[in-house]
């Protein structure tokens, strides 16, 4: 156990160094070539030069959101896989991502996005919170099976409503904008989006991290966890904190970035063997690994674009699916 503890500390350190390195690289490099040292000096001196504006108002919020969104998706995937004891669980399983997408699509449909830059993420956040409230109301004190069934039903229902809105949109341009947003991206995000996303990410992350010890107990079975004093289905018990935490954090992220898939599914799978397969030790590495992965993917999207920018959600799916298939093949070969 001590060996795994030292190994996890080293893993966290390496991942953190990777995040810090890509954070700096993301600020320095982009579609527009600037002298970063001059831009940083202008920014520190309060001079509103082109380079300072590009760094402070375009690259910095985009970089912060990449870390927040990627970290949240990675952490949520690790928590849900540990709680449900299902390696296929990911943040989209609860239906909250679909609720956020539906809320954003309704903002497009009603034209409210013309009122303010904050209208779209606020609409997505409202949809996520409504979906979370419905999920909590349906599940109540039910177990993991009820949660899975309710999440699947809610995902299907929100997907159907989103398709209905797309079907009813009178303008082809509006339909294009909706589909473009649903693919997931961090392009043109500002600090308004960061501040809208931050409260949900912080609160949701704290809820999920508070369940770390319970996830270790659940790995031994529900009865063992209950006997150790972890209340699974009581008010504000483990299930409530897991669902509410994932809903708040993922809903806030989807509200500002759109749907970005495979991060919450792949990152915990890649890091789990390095943490001794202990759920509590996987949480922080999954957050750092998710942030690192999305930072890298966002830099690729920005630096290799020769025409229309590739959507971030498309890239993560193109990369994540083969990685996940490779992981499945490795597990198949190692199984007796």
C-alpha atoms as a PDB file:
ATOM      1  CA  UNK A   1       0.000   0.000   0.000  1.00  0.00           C
ATOM      2  CA  UNK A   2       2.861   2.363   0.820  1.00  0.00           C
ATOM      3  CA  UNK A   3       4.410   1.539  -2.559  1.00  0.00           C
ATOM      4  CA  UNK A   4       1.199   2.509  -4.316  1.00  0.00           C
ATOM      5  CA  UNK A   5       1.083   5.696  -2.221  1.00  0.00           C
ATOM      6  CA  UNK A   6       4.550   6.731  -3.409  1.00  0.00           C
ATOM      7  CA  UNK A   7       3.646   5.708  -6.952  1.00  0.00           C
ATOM      8  CA  UNK A   8       0.483   7.816  -6.892  1.00  0.00           C
ATOM      9  CA  UNK A   9       2.405  10.830  -5.571  1.00  0.00           C
ATOM     10  CA  UNK A  10       4.919  10.485  -8.397  1.00  0.00           C
ATOM     11  CA  UNK A  11       2.099  10.076 -10.920  1.00  0.00           C
ATOM     12  CA  UNK A  12       0.327  13.189  -9.625  1.00  0.00           C
ATOM     13  CA  UNK A  13       3.572  15.153  -9.760  1.00  0.00           C
ATOM     14  CA  UNK A  14       4.279  14.129 -13.341  1.00  0.00           C
ATOM     15  CA  UNK A  15       0.720  14.899 -14.444  1.00  0.00           C
ATOM     16  CA  UNK A  16       0.803  18.275 -12.689  1.00  0.00           C
ATOM     17  CA  UNK A  17       4.098  19.144 -14.381  1.00  0.00           C
ATOM     18  CA  UNK A  18       2.541  18.160 -17.695  1.00  0.00           C
ATOM     19  CA  UNK A  19      -0.473  20.396 -17.066  1.00  0.00           C
ATOM     20  CA  UNK A  20       1.766  23.327 -16.087  1.00  0.00           C
ATOM     21  CA  UNK A  21       3.940  22.810 -19.167  1.00  0.00           C
ATOM     22  CA  UNK A  22       0.985  22.680 -21.560  1.00  0.00           C
ATOM     23  CA  UNK A  23      -0.605  25.642 -19.748  1.00  0.00           C
ATOM     24  CA  UNK A  24       2.411  27.764 -20.656  1.00  0.00           C
ATOM     25  CA  UNK A  25       2.591  26.362 -24.173  1.00  0.00           C
ATOM     26  CA  UNK A  26      -1.115  27.065 -24.715  1.00  0.00           C
ATOM     27  CA  UNK A  27      -0.570  30.716 -23.806  1.00  0.00           C
ATOM     28  CA  UNK A  28       2.463  31.063 -26.073  1.00  0.00           C
ATOM     29  CA  UNK A  29       1.280  29.293 -29.208  1.00  0.00           C
ATOM     30  CA  UNK A  30      -1.850  29.713 -31.256  1.00  0.00           C
ATOM     31  CA  UNK A  31      -3.214  30.586 -34.667  1.00  0.00           C
ATOM     32  CA  UNK A  32      -1.838  34.136 -34.403  1.00  0.00           C
ATOM     33  CA  UNK A  33       1.921  34.526 -33.999  1.00  0.00           C
ATOM     34  CA  UNK A  34       2.913  36.952 -31.243  1.00  0.00           C
ATOM     35  CA  UNK A  35       5.990  37.731 -29.186  1.00  0.00           C
ATOM     36  CA  UNK A  36       4.845  36.146 -25.941  1.00  0.00           C
ATOM     37  CA  UNK A  37       7.475  37.820 -23.744  1.00  0.00           C
ATOM     38  CA  UNK A  38       6.490  41.251 -25.062  1.00  0.00           C
ATOM     39  CA  UNK A  39       2.786  40.450 -24.718  1.00  0.00           C
ATOM     40  CA  UNK A  40       3.304  39.285 -21.141  1.00  0.00           C
ATOM     41  CA  UNK A  41       5.288  42.426 -20.292  1.00  0.00           C
ATOM     42  CA  UNK A  42       2.552  44.610 -21.803  1.00  0.00           C
ATOM     43  CA  UNK A  43      -0.077  42.688 -19.877  1.00  0.00           C
ATOM     44  CA  UNK A  44       1.753  43.110 -16.573  1.00  0.00           C
ATOM     45  CA  UNK A  45       2.249  46.817 -17.271  1.00  0.00           C
ATOM     46  CA  UNK A  46      -1.423  47.327 -18.106  1.00  0.00           C
ATOM     47  CA  UNK A  47      -0.789  48.228 -21.748  1.00  0.00           C
ATOM     48  CA  UNK A  48      -3.625  47.139 -24.075  1.00  0.00           C
ATOM     49  CA  UNK A  49      -1.548  45.997 -27.015  1.00  0.00           C
ATOM     50  CA  UNK A  50      -2.726  43.377 -29.504  1.00  0.00           C
ATOM     51  CA  UNK A  51      -0.491  40.698 -27.977  1.00  0.00           C
ATOM     52  CA  UNK A  52      -1.664  41.426 -24.428  1.00  0.00           C
ATOM     53  CA  UNK A  53      -5.306  41.280 -25.505  1.00  0.00           C
ATOM     54  CA  UNK A  54      -4.800  37.975 -27.334  1.00  0.00           C
ATOM     55  CA  UNK A  55      -3.137  36.382 -24.289  1.00  0.00           C
ATOM     56  CA  UNK A  56      -5.470  37.777 -21.612  1.00  0.00           C
ATOM     57  CA  UNK A  57      -8.832  37.676 -23.349  1.00  0.00           C
ATOM     58  CA  UNK A  58      -8.534  34.778 -25.775  1.00  0.00           C
ATOM     59  CA  UNK A  59      -5.844  32.270 -24.841  1.00  0.00           C
ATOM     60  CA  UNK A  60      -5.979  32.467 -21.032  1.00  0.00           C
ATOM     61  CA  UNK A  61      -9.739  31.779 -20.608  1.00  0.00           C
ATOM     62  CA  UNK A  62      -9.582  29.064 -23.263  1.00  0.00           C
ATOM     63  CA  UNK A  63      -6.665  27.399 -21.472  1.00  0.00           C
ATOM     64  CA  UNK A  64      -8.344  27.612 -18.060  1.00  0.00           C
ATOM     65  CA  UNK A  65     -11.533  26.123 -19.468  1.00  0.00           C
ATOM     66  CA  UNK A  66      -9.600  23.260 -21.072  1.00  0.00           C
ATOM     67  CA  UNK A  67      -8.172  22.338 -17.655  1.00  0.00           C
ATOM     68  CA  UNK A  68     -11.525  22.747 -15.872  1.00  0.00           C
ATOM     69  CA  UNK A  69     -13.580  20.848 -18.448  1.00  0.00           C
ATOM     70  CA  UNK A  70     -11.047  18.073 -19.024  1.00  0.00           C
ATOM     71  CA  UNK A  71     -10.353  17.670 -15.310  1.00  0.00           C
ATOM     72  CA  UNK A  72     -14.043  17.571 -14.457  1.00  0.00           C
ATOM     73  CA  UNK A  73     -14.808  14.953 -17.108  1.00  0.00           C
ATOM     74  CA  UNK A  74     -11.878  12.786 -15.994  1.00  0.00           C
ATOM     75  CA  UNK A  75     -12.796  13.030 -12.307  1.00  0.00           C
ATOM     76  CA  UNK A  76     -16.493  12.395 -12.955  1.00  0.00           C
ATOM     77  CA  UNK A  77     -15.678   9.317 -15.007  1.00  0.00           C
ATOM     78  CA  UNK A  78     -13.476   7.907 -12.234  1.00  0.00           C
ATOM     79  CA  UNK A  79     -16.093   8.573  -9.539  1.00  0.00           C
ATOM     80  CA  UNK A  80     -18.989   7.117 -11.524  1.00  0.00           C
ATOM     81  CA  UNK A  81     -17.005   4.034 -12.532  1.00  0.00           C
ATOM     82  CA  UNK A  82     -16.063   3.495  -8.889  1.00  0.00           C
ATOM     83  CA  UNK A  83     -19.556   4.056  -7.515  1.00  0.00           C
ATOM     84  CA  UNK A  84     -21.399   2.035 -10.142  1.00  0.00           C
ATOM     85  CA  UNK A  85     -18.601  -0.555 -10.312  1.00  0.00           C
ATOM     86  CA  UNK A  86     -19.028  -0.340 -14.067  1.00  0.00           C
ATOM     87  CA  UNK A  87     -15.940   0.322 -16.235  1.00  0.00           C
ATOM     88  CA  UNK A  88     -18.177   1.651 -19.021  1.00  0.00           C
ATOM     89  CA  UNK A  89     -19.659   4.442 -16.920  1.00  0.00           C
ATOM     90  CA  UNK A  90     -18.900   7.981 -18.036  1.00  0.00           C
ATOM     91  CA  UNK A  91     -20.300  11.462 -17.291  1.00  0.00           C
ATOM     92  CA  UNK A  92     -22.945  11.168 -19.998  1.00  0.00           C
ATOM     93  CA  UNK A  93     -24.577   8.200 -18.278  1.00  0.00           C
ATOM     94  CA  UNK A  94     -26.633  10.396 -15.929  1.00  0.00           C
ATOM     95  CA  UNK A  95     -28.386  12.353 -18.662  1.00  0.00           C
ATOM     96  CA  UNK A  96     -27.154  15.686 -17.302  1.00  0.00           C
ATOM     97  CA  UNK A  97     -25.034  16.318 -20.404  1.00  0.00           C
ATOM     98  CA  UNK A  98     -28.148  15.839 -22.509  1.00  0.00           C
ATOM     99  CA  UNK A  99     -30.047  18.266 -20.278  1.00  0.00           C
ATOM    100  CA  UNK A 100     -27.314  20.889 -20.714  1.00  0.00           C
ATOM    101  CA  UNK A 101     -27.362  20.399 -24.473  1.00  0.00           C
ATOM    102  CA  UNK A 102     -31.151  20.718 -24.531  1.00  0.00           C
ATOM    103  CA  UNK A 103     -31.024  23.944 -22.519  1.00  0.00           C
ATOM    104  CA  UNK A 104     -28.459  25.438 -24.882  1.00  0.00           C
ATOM    105  CA  UNK A 105     -30.430  24.359 -27.951  1.00  0.00           C
ATOM    106  CA  UNK A 106     -33.551  26.024 -26.541  1.00  0.00           C
ATOM    107  CA  UNK A 107     -31.578  29.258 -26.181  1.00  0.00           C
ATOM    108  CA  UNK A 108     -30.634  28.992 -29.861  1.00  0.00           C
ATOM    109  CA  UNK A 109     -34.221  28.242 -30.836  1.00  0.00           C
ATOM    110  CA  UNK A 110     -35.771  31.131 -28.924  1.00  0.00           C
ATOM    111  CA  UNK A 111     -33.142  33.647 -30.011  1.00  0.00           C
ATOM    112  CA  UNK A 112     -32.185  34.501 -26.436  1.00  0.00           C
ATOM    113  CA  UNK A 113     -28.505  34.192 -27.310  1.00  0.00           C
ATOM    114  CA  UNK A 114     -28.789  37.550 -29.052  1.00  0.00           C
ATOM    115  CA  UNK A 115     -29.364  39.241 -25.691  1.00  0.00           C
ATOM    116  CA  UNK A 116     -26.041  38.417 -24.043  1.00  0.00           C
ATOM    117  CA  UNK A 117     -22.908  36.321 -24.451  1.00  0.00           C
ATOM    118  CA  UNK A 118     -23.858  34.641 -21.160  1.00  0.00           C
ATOM    119  CA  UNK A 119     -27.281  33.516 -22.405  1.00  0.00           C
ATOM    120  CA  UNK A 120     -26.041  30.325 -24.053  1.00  0.00           C
ATOM    121  CA  UNK A 121     -23.986  28.929 -21.129  1.00  0.00           C
ATOM    122  CA  UNK A 122     -26.671  29.987 -18.651  1.00  0.00           C
ATOM    123  CA  UNK A 123     -29.278  28.171 -20.720  1.00  0.00           C
ATOM    124  CA  UNK A 124     -27.103  25.060 -20.763  1.00  0.00           C
ATOM    125  CA  UNK A 125     -26.528  25.290 -17.011  1.00  0.00           C
ATOM    126  CA  UNK A 126     -30.267  25.667 -16.404  1.00  0.00           C
ATOM    127  CA  UNK A 127     -30.940  22.575 -18.505  1.00  0.00           C
ATOM    128  CA  UNK A 128     -28.304  20.606 -16.587  1.00  0.00           C
ATOM    129  CA  UNK A 129     -29.733  21.602 -13.206  1.00  0.00           C
ATOM    130  CA  UNK A 130     -33.277  20.703 -14.329  1.00  0.00           C
ATOM    131  CA  UNK A 131     -32.050  17.318 -15.544  1.00  0.00           C
ATOM    132  CA  UNK A 132     -30.243  16.750 -12.228  1.00  0.00           C
ATOM    133  CA  UNK A 133     -33.389  17.662 -10.282  1.00  0.00           C
ATOM    134  CA  UNK A 134     -35.474  15.222 -12.349  1.00  0.00           C
ATOM    135  CA  UNK A 135     -32.868  12.499 -11.905  1.00  0.00           C
ATOM    136  CA  UNK A 136     -32.678  12.963  -8.140  1.00  0.00           C
ATOM    137  CA  UNK A 137     -36.463  13.016  -7.887  1.00  0.00           C
ATOM    138  CA  UNK A 138     -36.856   9.803  -9.870  1.00  0.00           C
ATOM    139  CA  UNK A 139     -34.026   7.887  -8.213  1.00  0.00           C
ATOM    140  CA  UNK A 140     -34.766   8.896  -4.615  1.00  0.00           C
ATOM    141  CA  UNK A 141     -33.296   6.213  -2.371  1.00  0.00           C
ATOM    142  CA  UNK A 142     -33.052   3.652  -5.148  1.00  0.00           C
ATOM    143  CA  UNK A 143     -29.847   1.752  -5.785  1.00  0.00           C
ATOM    144  CA  UNK A 144     -27.333   1.795  -8.608  1.00  0.00           C
ATOM    145  CA  UNK A 145     -29.610  -0.126 -10.970  1.00  0.00           C
ATOM    146  CA  UNK A 146     -32.347   2.485 -10.552  1.00  0.00           C
ATOM    147  CA  UNK A 147     -29.764   5.218 -11.135  1.00  0.00           C
ATOM    148  CA  UNK A 148     -28.516   3.579 -14.329  1.00  0.00           C
ATOM    149  CA  UNK A 149     -32.030   3.050 -15.690  1.00  0.00           C
ATOM    150  CA  UNK A 150     -33.136   6.567 -14.791  1.00  0.00           C
ATOM    151  CA  UNK A 151     -29.998   8.052 -16.355  1.00  0.00           C
ATOM    152  CA  UNK A 152     -30.488   6.067 -19.561  1.00  0.00           C
ATOM    153  CA  UNK A 153     -34.144   7.118 -19.772  1.00  0.00           C
ATOM    154  CA  UNK A 154     -33.276  10.769 -19.124  1.00  0.00           C
ATOM    155  CA  UNK A 155     -30.503  10.694 -21.750  1.00  0.00           C
ATOM    156  CA  UNK A 156     -32.869   9.257 -24.344  1.00  0.00           C
ATOM    157  CA  UNK A 157     -35.604  11.761 -23.472  1.00  0.00           C
ATOM    158  CA  UNK A 158     -33.333  14.815 -23.651  1.00  0.00           C
ATOM    159  CA  UNK A 159     -31.825  13.537 -26.927  1.00  0.00           C
ATOM    160  CA  UNK A 160     -35.335  13.180 -28.369  1.00  0.00           C
ATOM    161  CA  UNK A 161     -36.292  16.700 -27.256  1.00  0.00           C
ATOM    162  CA  UNK A 162     -33.068  18.096 -28.707  1.00  0.00           C
ATOM    163  CA  UNK A 163     -33.828  16.375 -32.028  1.00  0.00           C
ATOM    164  CA  UNK A 164     -37.368  17.807 -31.894  1.00  0.00           C
ATOM    165  CA  UNK A 165     -36.043  21.337 -31.428  1.00  0.00           C
ATOM    166  CA  UNK A 166     -33.623  20.830 -34.330  1.00  0.00           C
ATOM    167  CA  UNK A 167     -36.522  19.608 -36.443  1.00  0.00           C
ATOM    168  CA  UNK A 168     -38.583  22.693 -35.624  1.00  0.00           C
ATOM    169  CA  UNK A 169     -35.856  25.307 -36.105  1.00  0.00           C
ATOM    170  CA  UNK A 170     -37.012  27.458 -39.038  1.00  0.00           C
ATOM    171  CA  UNK A 171     -33.570  28.746 -40.055  1.00  0.00           C
ATOM    172  CA  UNK A 172     -30.923  26.483 -41.657  1.00  0.00           C
ATOM    173  CA  UNK A 173     -28.268  28.830 -40.262  1.00  0.00           C
ATOM    174  CA  UNK A 174     -29.619  28.307 -36.729  1.00  0.00           C
ATOM    175  CA  UNK A 175     -29.546  24.533 -37.278  1.00  0.00           C
ATOM    176  CA  UNK A 176     -25.909  24.791 -38.381  1.00  0.00           C
ATOM    177  CA  UNK A 177     -25.021  26.846 -35.296  1.00  0.00           C
ATOM    178  CA  UNK A 178     -26.725  24.322 -33.017  1.00  0.00           C
ATOM    179  CA  UNK A 179     -24.951  21.339 -34.577  1.00  0.00           C
ATOM    180  CA  UNK A 180     -21.653  23.227 -34.462  1.00  0.00           C
ATOM    181  CA  UNK A 181     -22.086  23.896 -30.736  1.00  0.00           C
ATOM    182  CA  UNK A 182     -23.143  20.323 -29.973  1.00  0.00           C
ATOM    183  CA  UNK A 183     -19.840  19.014 -31.358  1.00  0.00           C
ATOM    184  CA  UNK A 184     -17.966  20.664 -28.489  1.00  0.00           C
ATOM    185  CA  UNK A 185     -15.423  23.467 -28.658  1.00  0.00           C
ATOM    186  CA  UNK A 186     -13.547  26.055 -26.604  1.00  0.00           C
ATOM    187  CA  UNK A 187     -13.215  28.556 -29.442  1.00  0.00           C
ATOM    188  CA  UNK A 188     -14.048  32.189 -28.619  1.00  0.00           C
ATOM    189  CA  UNK A 189     -14.673  31.477 -24.953  1.00  0.00           C
ATOM    190  CA  UNK A 190     -14.121  34.374 -22.557  1.00  0.00           C
ATOM    191  CA  UNK A 191     -13.820  34.913 -18.834  1.00  0.00           C
ATOM    192  CA  UNK A 192     -17.618  35.200 -18.738  1.00  0.00           C
ATOM    193  CA  UNK A 193     -17.738  31.497 -19.543  1.00  0.00           C
ATOM    194  CA  UNK A 194     -15.041  30.773 -16.951  1.00  0.00           C
ATOM    195  CA  UNK A 195     -17.002  32.496 -14.168  1.00  0.00           C
ATOM    196  CA  UNK A 196     -20.239  30.745 -15.177  1.00  0.00           C
ATOM    197  CA  UNK A 197     -18.500  27.357 -15.163  1.00  0.00           C
ATOM    198  CA  UNK A 198     -16.361  27.796 -12.036  1.00  0.00           C
ATOM    199  CA  UNK A 199     -18.973  27.550  -9.216  1.00  0.00           C
ATOM    200  CA  UNK A 200     -20.453  24.309 -10.548  1.00  0.00           C
ATOM    201  CA  UNK A 201     -17.012  22.784 -11.086  1.00  0.00           C
ATOM    202  CA  UNK A 202     -15.781  23.703  -7.593  1.00  0.00           C
ATOM    203  CA  UNK A 203     -18.913  22.542  -5.757  1.00  0.00           C
ATOM    204  CA  UNK A 204     -19.266  19.383  -7.836  1.00  0.00           C
ATOM    205  CA  UNK A 205     -15.598  18.481  -7.425  1.00  0.00           C
ATOM    206  CA  UNK A 206     -15.786  18.877  -3.641  1.00  0.00           C
ATOM    207  CA  UNK A 207     -18.876  16.647  -3.501  1.00  0.00           C
ATOM    208  CA  UNK A 208     -17.173  13.940  -5.541  1.00  0.00           C
ATOM    209  CA  UNK A 209     -13.870  14.069  -3.655  1.00  0.00           C
ATOM    210  CA  UNK A 210     -15.758  13.700  -0.373  1.00  0.00           C
ATOM    211  CA  UNK A 211     -16.777  10.195  -1.524  1.00  0.00           C
ATOM    212  CA  UNK A 212     -13.213   8.902  -1.995  1.00  0.00           C
ATOM    213  CA  UNK A 213     -13.100   6.597   1.052  1.00  0.00           C
ATOM    214  CA  UNK A 214     -16.590   5.309   0.348  1.00  0.00           C
ATOM    215  CA  UNK A 215     -15.528   4.277  -3.169  1.00  0.00           C
ATOM    216  CA  UNK A 216     -12.752   2.136  -1.670  1.00  0.00           C
ATOM    217  CA  UNK A 217     -15.291   0.449   0.595  1.00  0.00           C
ATOM    218  CA  UNK A 218     -17.727  -0.065  -2.282  1.00  0.00           C
ATOM    219  CA  UNK A 219     -15.036  -1.942  -4.197  1.00  0.00           C
ATOM    220  CA  UNK A 220     -15.503  -4.677  -1.558  1.00  0.00           C
ATOM    221  CA  UNK A 221     -19.285  -4.697  -1.956  1.00  0.00           C
ATOM    222  CA  UNK A 222     -22.328  -2.736  -0.846  1.00  0.00           C
ATOM    223  CA  UNK A 223     -22.756  -4.689   2.381  1.00  0.00           C
ATOM    224  CA  UNK A 224     -19.144  -4.044   3.393  1.00  0.00           C
ATOM    225  CA  UNK A 225     -19.524  -0.325   2.719  1.00  0.00           C
ATOM    226  CA  UNK A 226     -22.690  -0.169   4.806  1.00  0.00           C
ATOM    227  CA  UNK A 227     -21.047  -2.101   7.640  1.00  0.00           C
ATOM    228  CA  UNK A 228     -18.174   0.400   7.655  1.00  0.00           C
ATOM    229  CA  UNK A 229     -20.613   3.236   8.280  1.00  0.00           C
ATOM    230  CA  UNK A 230     -21.008   4.670   4.780  1.00  0.00           C
ATOM    231  CA  UNK A 231     -24.638   5.599   4.201  1.00  0.00           C
ATOM    232  CA  UNK A 232     -25.258   4.962   0.536  1.00  0.00           C
ATOM    233  CA  UNK A 233     -28.895   5.891   0.018  1.00  0.00           C
ATOM    234  CA  UNK A 234     -29.645   8.147   2.988  1.00  0.00           C
ATOM    235  CA  UNK A 235     -30.369  11.851   2.448  1.00  0.00           C
ATOM    236  CA  UNK A 236     -27.011  13.457   1.589  1.00  0.00           C
ATOM    237  CA  UNK A 237     -25.513   9.984   1.513  1.00  0.00           C
ATOM    238  CA  UNK A 238     -22.916   8.735  -0.943  1.00  0.00           C
ATOM    239  CA  UNK A 239     -25.282   8.339  -3.889  1.00  0.00           C
ATOM    240  CA  UNK A 240     -26.670  11.853  -3.475  1.00  0.00           C
ATOM    241  CA  UNK A 241     -23.191  13.364  -3.319  1.00  0.00           C
ATOM    242  CA  UNK A 242     -21.962  11.378  -6.313  1.00  0.00           C
ATOM    243  CA  UNK A 243     -24.961  12.243  -8.493  1.00  0.00           C
ATOM    244  CA  UNK A 244     -25.206  15.865  -7.397  1.00  0.00           C
ATOM    245  CA  UNK A 245     -21.457  16.413  -7.676  1.00  0.00           C
ATOM    246  CA  UNK A 246     -21.229  14.908 -11.154  1.00  0.00           C
ATOM    247  CA  UNK A 247     -24.357  16.754 -12.259  1.00  0.00           C
ATOM    248  CA  UNK A 248     -23.146  20.156 -11.063  1.00  0.00           C
ATOM    249  CA  UNK A 249     -19.621  19.806 -12.431  1.00  0.00           C
ATOM    250  CA  UNK A 250     -20.413  18.135 -15.758  1.00  0.00           C
ATOM    251  CA  UNK A 251     -23.485  20.290 -16.353  1.00  0.00           C
ATOM    252  CA  UNK A 252     -21.480  23.477 -15.826  1.00  0.00           C
ATOM    253  CA  UNK A 253     -18.780  22.259 -18.227  1.00  0.00           C
ATOM    254  CA  UNK A 254     -21.143  21.113 -20.978  1.00  0.00           C
ATOM    255  CA  UNK A 255     -22.960  24.442 -20.666  1.00  0.00           C
ATOM    256  CA  UNK A 256     -19.842  26.337 -21.791  1.00  0.00           C
ATOM    257  CA  UNK A 257     -18.057  23.815 -24.020  1.00  0.00           C
ATOM    258  CA  UNK A 258     -20.730  21.654 -25.600  1.00  0.00           C
ATOM    259  CA  UNK A 259     -20.502  17.864 -25.621  1.00  0.00           C
ATOM    260  CA  UNK A 260     -16.933  16.502 -25.405  1.00  0.00           C
ATOM    261  CA  UNK A 261     -16.861  12.742 -25.300  1.00  0.00           C
ATOM    262  CA  UNK A 262     -14.523   9.928 -24.303  1.00  0.00           C
ATOM    263  CA  UNK A 263     -12.412  11.967 -21.845  1.00  0.00           C
ATOM    264  CA  UNK A 264     -14.312  10.677 -18.808  1.00  0.00           C
ATOM    265  CA  UNK A 265     -14.297   7.134 -20.180  1.00  0.00           C
ATOM    266  CA  UNK A 266     -10.698   6.776 -21.387  1.00  0.00           C
ATOM    267  CA  UNK A 267      -8.653   8.727 -18.815  1.00  0.00           C
ATOM    268  CA  UNK A 268      -9.612   6.600 -15.747  1.00  0.00           C
ATOM    269  CA  UNK A 269      -8.956   3.417 -17.749  1.00  0.00           C
ATOM    270  CA  UNK A 270      -5.468   4.555 -18.734  1.00  0.00           C
ATOM    271  CA  UNK A 271      -4.514   5.654 -15.212  1.00  0.00           C
ATOM    272  CA  UNK A 272      -6.171   2.930 -13.129  1.00  0.00           C
ATOM    273  CA  UNK A 273      -3.309   0.380 -13.425  1.00  0.00           C
ATOM    274  CA  UNK A 274      -0.881   3.083 -12.248  1.00  0.00           C
ATOM    275  CA  UNK A 275      -2.822   3.674  -9.015  1.00  0.00           C
ATOM    276  CA  UNK A 276      -3.058   0.087  -7.811  1.00  0.00           C
ATOM    277  CA  UNK A 277      -6.714  -0.169  -8.910  1.00  0.00           C
ATOM    278  CA  UNK A 278      -7.723   1.715  -5.732  1.00  0.00           C
ATOM    279  CA  UNK A 279     -10.647   4.062  -6.513  1.00  0.00           C
ATOM    280  CA  UNK A 280      -9.696   6.821  -4.072  1.00  0.00           C
ATOM    281  CA  UNK A 281      -6.152   7.054  -5.486  1.00  0.00           C
ATOM    282  CA  UNK A 282      -7.549   7.400  -8.999  1.00  0.00           C
ATOM    283  CA  UNK A 283      -9.516  10.610  -8.431  1.00  0.00           C
ATOM    284  CA  UNK A 284      -6.798  13.280  -8.432  1.00  0.00           C
ATOM    285  CA  UNK A 285      -4.804  11.636 -11.267  1.00  0.00           C
ATOM    286  CA  UNK A 286      -8.006  11.465 -13.333  1.00  0.00           C
ATOM    287  CA  UNK A 287      -8.615  15.184 -12.832  1.00  0.00           C
ATOM    288  CA  UNK A 288      -5.046  16.059 -13.807  1.00  0.00           C
ATOM    289  CA  UNK A 289      -5.021  13.546 -16.657  1.00  0.00           C
ATOM    290  CA  UNK A 290      -8.301  14.851 -18.048  1.00  0.00           C
ATOM    291  CA  UNK A 291      -7.027  18.424 -17.948  1.00  0.00           C
ATOM    292  CA  UNK A 292      -3.763  17.363 -19.601  1.00  0.00           C
ATOM    293  CA  UNK A 293      -5.575  15.453 -22.341  1.00  0.00           C
ATOM    294  CA  UNK A 294      -7.968  18.276 -23.199  1.00  0.00           C
ATOM    295  CA  UNK A 295      -5.175  20.875 -23.133  1.00  0.00           C
ATOM    296  CA  UNK A 296      -3.201  18.766 -25.599  1.00  0.00           C
ATOM    297  CA  UNK A 297      -6.252  18.179 -27.811  1.00  0.00           C
ATOM    298  CA  UNK A 298      -7.132  21.879 -27.827  1.00  0.00           C
ATOM    299  CA  UNK A 299      -3.577  22.794 -28.829  1.00  0.00           C
ATOM    300  CA  UNK A 300      -3.724  20.292 -31.675  1.00  0.00           C
ATOM    301  CA  UNK A 301      -7.027  21.783 -32.830  1.00  0.00           C
ATOM    302  CA  UNK A 302      -5.534  25.281 -32.868  1.00  0.00           C
ATOM    303  CA  UNK A 303      -2.142  24.507 -34.367  1.00  0.00           C
ATOM    304  CA  UNK A 304      -3.022  22.121 -37.202  1.00  0.00           C
ATOM    305  CA  UNK A 305      -6.103  23.928 -38.504  1.00  0.00           C
ATOM    306  CA  UNK A 306      -5.588  24.775 -42.178  1.00  0.00           C
ATOM    307  CA  UNK A 307      -9.207  25.625 -42.890  1.00  0.00           C
ATOM    308  CA  UNK A 308     -12.277  25.512 -40.647  1.00  0.00           C
ATOM    309  CA  UNK A 309     -11.189  24.628 -37.114  1.00  0.00           C
ATOM    310  CA  UNK A 310     -11.778  21.008 -36.169  1.00  0.00           C
ATOM    311  CA  UNK A 311     -14.235  20.753 -33.313  1.00  0.00           C
ATOM    312  CA  UNK A 312     -12.670  19.633 -30.042  1.00  0.00           C
ATOM    313  CA  UNK A 313     -15.349  17.034 -29.318  1.00  0.00           C
ATOM    314  CA  UNK A 314     -14.764  15.451 -32.731  1.00  0.00           C
ATOM    315  CA  UNK A 315     -11.018  15.180 -32.086  1.00  0.00           C
ATOM    316  CA  UNK A 316     -11.428  13.610 -28.629  1.00  0.00           C
ATOM    317  CA  UNK A 317     -13.823  11.039 -30.098  1.00  0.00           C
ATOM    318  CA  UNK A 318     -11.467  10.260 -33.009  1.00  0.00           C
ATOM    319  CA  UNK A 319      -8.563   9.745 -30.609  1.00  0.00           C
ATOM    320  CA  UNK A 320     -10.498   8.304 -27.658  1.00  0.00           C
ATOM    321  CA  UNK A 321     -12.312   5.530 -29.476  1.00  0.00           C
ATOM    322  CA  UNK A 322      -9.156   3.803 -30.856  1.00  0.00           C
ATOM    323  CA  UNK A 323      -7.416   4.181 -27.494  1.00  0.00           C
ATOM    324  CA  UNK A 324     -10.379   2.573 -25.767  1.00  0.00           C
ATOM    325  CA  UNK A 325     -10.467  -0.252 -28.329  1.00  0.00           C
ATOM    326  CA  UNK A 326      -6.754  -0.851 -27.752  1.00  0.00           C
ATOM    327  CA  UNK A 327      -7.366  -0.954 -24.008  1.00  0.00           C
ATOM    328  CA  UNK A 328     -10.164  -3.505 -24.502  1.00  0.00           C
ATOM    329  CA  UNK A 329      -7.872  -5.701 -26.613  1.00  0.00           C
ATOM    330  CA  UNK A 330      -5.145  -5.561 -23.960  1.00  0.00           C
ATOM    331  CA  UNK A 331      -7.636  -6.547 -21.253  1.00  0.00           C
ATOM    332  CA  UNK A 332      -8.927  -9.372 -23.407  1.00  0.00           C
ATOM    333  CA  UNK A 333      -5.422 -10.786 -23.945  1.00  0.00           C
ATOM    334  CA  UNK A 334      -4.555 -10.523 -20.245  1.00  0.00           C
ATOM    335  CA  UNK A 335      -7.740 -12.245 -19.081  1.00  0.00           C
ATOM    336  CA  UNK A 336      -7.509 -16.012 -18.388  1.00  0.00           C
END
